[in-house]
Amino acid sequence: MTKKMDYPYQRKIYFTNLNISDACRLATALNKSIATIEMIKHGLSVIPTNDLNSPLVLNVNDGKRIPMWSPSLNELISKDWMVLD
């Protein structure tokens, strides 16, 4: 099931209510990114990779990519991660 969100940065959502581990596994398998609602509101998403130099890349809606993003404790234990395009 996919759905669209009413935020300034529209993203197609594939899975919701995930922990970060499950979201990363699905996103990697589907070549997608992950985010929480708060991240989407600000035009941000994360691209999980297997690159040891940059395992998580923060993707900014304007096309910039920031390597080496580190999740906070709240983000690590959250169960509201989504897989999106």
Protein backbone atom coordinates (compact mmCIF):
# COMPACT_ATOMS: atom_id res chain seq x y z
CA MET A 1 0.00 0.00 0.00
CA THR A 2 1.34 3.42 -0.91
CA LYS A 3 0.04 6.83 0.05
CA LYS A 4 0.87 10.49 -0.44
CA MET A 5 1.29 12.99 2.39
CA ASP A 6 0.11 16.60 2.54
CA TYR A 7 3.41 18.28 3.34
CA PRO A 8 5.43 20.78 1.34
CA TYR A 9 7.72 17.95 0.26
CA GLN A 10 5.52 15.25 -1.25
CA ARG A 11 6.93 11.73 -0.98
CA LYS A 12 5.44 8.39 -1.97
CA ILE A 13 5.31 6.16 1.14
CA TYR A 14 5.63 2.37 0.85
CA PHE A 15 5.75 1.13 4.47
CA THR A 16 4.99 2.81 7.80
CA ASN A 17 5.28 2.15 11.56
CA LEU A 18 8.69 0.49 11.37
CA ASN A 19 11.69 0.50 13.66
CA ILE A 20 14.88 1.84 12.09
CA SER A 21 16.38 -1.62 11.55
CA ASP A 22 13.39 -2.96 9.61
CA ALA A 23 13.09 0.30 7.67
CA CYS A 24 16.77 0.11 6.65
CA ARG A 25 16.44 -3.52 5.53
CA LEU A 26 13.38 -2.80 3.40
CA ALA A 27 14.78 0.43 1.96
CA THR A 28 18.04 -1.25 1.00
CA ALA A 29 16.24 -4.15 -0.68
CA LEU A 30 13.95 -1.76 -2.60
CA ASN A 31 16.56 0.94 -3.27
CA LYS A 32 14.48 3.52 -1.35
CA SER A 33 15.08 5.93 1.51
CA ILE A 34 13.70 6.15 5.05
CA ALA A 35 12.37 8.98 7.21
CA THR A 36 10.15 9.90 10.12
CA ILE A 37 7.21 12.32 9.82
CA GLU A 38 9.33 15.12 11.31
CA MET A 39 12.05 14.53 8.73
CA ILE A 40 9.57 14.56 5.87
CA LYS A 41 8.09 17.86 7.09
CA HIS A 42 11.56 19.39 6.67
CA GLY A 43 12.33 17.77 3.33
CA LEU A 44 14.79 15.23 4.74
CA SER A 45 15.24 11.50 4.30
CA VAL A 46 18.01 8.98 4.94
CA ILE A 47 19.60 6.65 2.41
CA PRO A 48 20.93 3.52 4.15
CA THR A 49 24.09 2.14 2.49
CA ASN A 50 26.72 -0.53 3.08
CA ASP A 51 29.51 2.00 2.55
CA LEU A 52 31.78 1.85 5.61
CA ASN A 53 32.80 5.48 5.10
CA SER A 54 29.20 6.72 4.98
CA PRO A 55 26.66 4.13 6.21
CA LEU A 56 23.78 6.62 6.41
CA VAL A 57 23.44 9.56 4.02
CA LEU A 58 21.07 12.39 4.88
CA ASN A 59 19.21 13.35 1.71
CA VAL A 60 17.97 16.96 1.59
CA ASN A 61 15.00 17.71 -0.67
CA ASP A 62 16.98 20.26 -2.71
CA GLY A 63 19.31 17.49 -3.91
CA LYS A 64 22.14 17.90 -1.39
CA ARG A 65 23.46 14.78 0.28
CA ILE A 66 25.20 14.89 3.64
CA PRO A 67 27.26 11.77 4.52
CA MET A 68 27.72 10.29 7.99
CA TRP A 69 24.32 11.19 9.47
CA SER A 70 23.92 9.80 13.00
CA PRO A 71 20.47 9.11 14.48
CA SER A 72 19.62 10.34 17.96
CA LEU A 73 18.56 7.95 20.71
CA ASN A 74 14.90 8.87 20.13
CA GLU A 75 15.28 8.12 16.43
CA LEU A 76 16.92 4.78 17.18
CA ILE A 77 14.09 3.59 19.45
CA SER A 78 11.25 5.15 17.45
CA LYS A 79 8.74 2.93 15.72
CA ASP A 80 7.47 5.55 13.26
CA TRP A 81 10.01 5.10 10.48
CA MET A 82 8.75 4.91 6.91
CA VAL A 83 10.17 3.63 3.64
CA LEU A 84 9.68 6.15 0.86
CA ASP A 85 10.92 7.19 -2.54
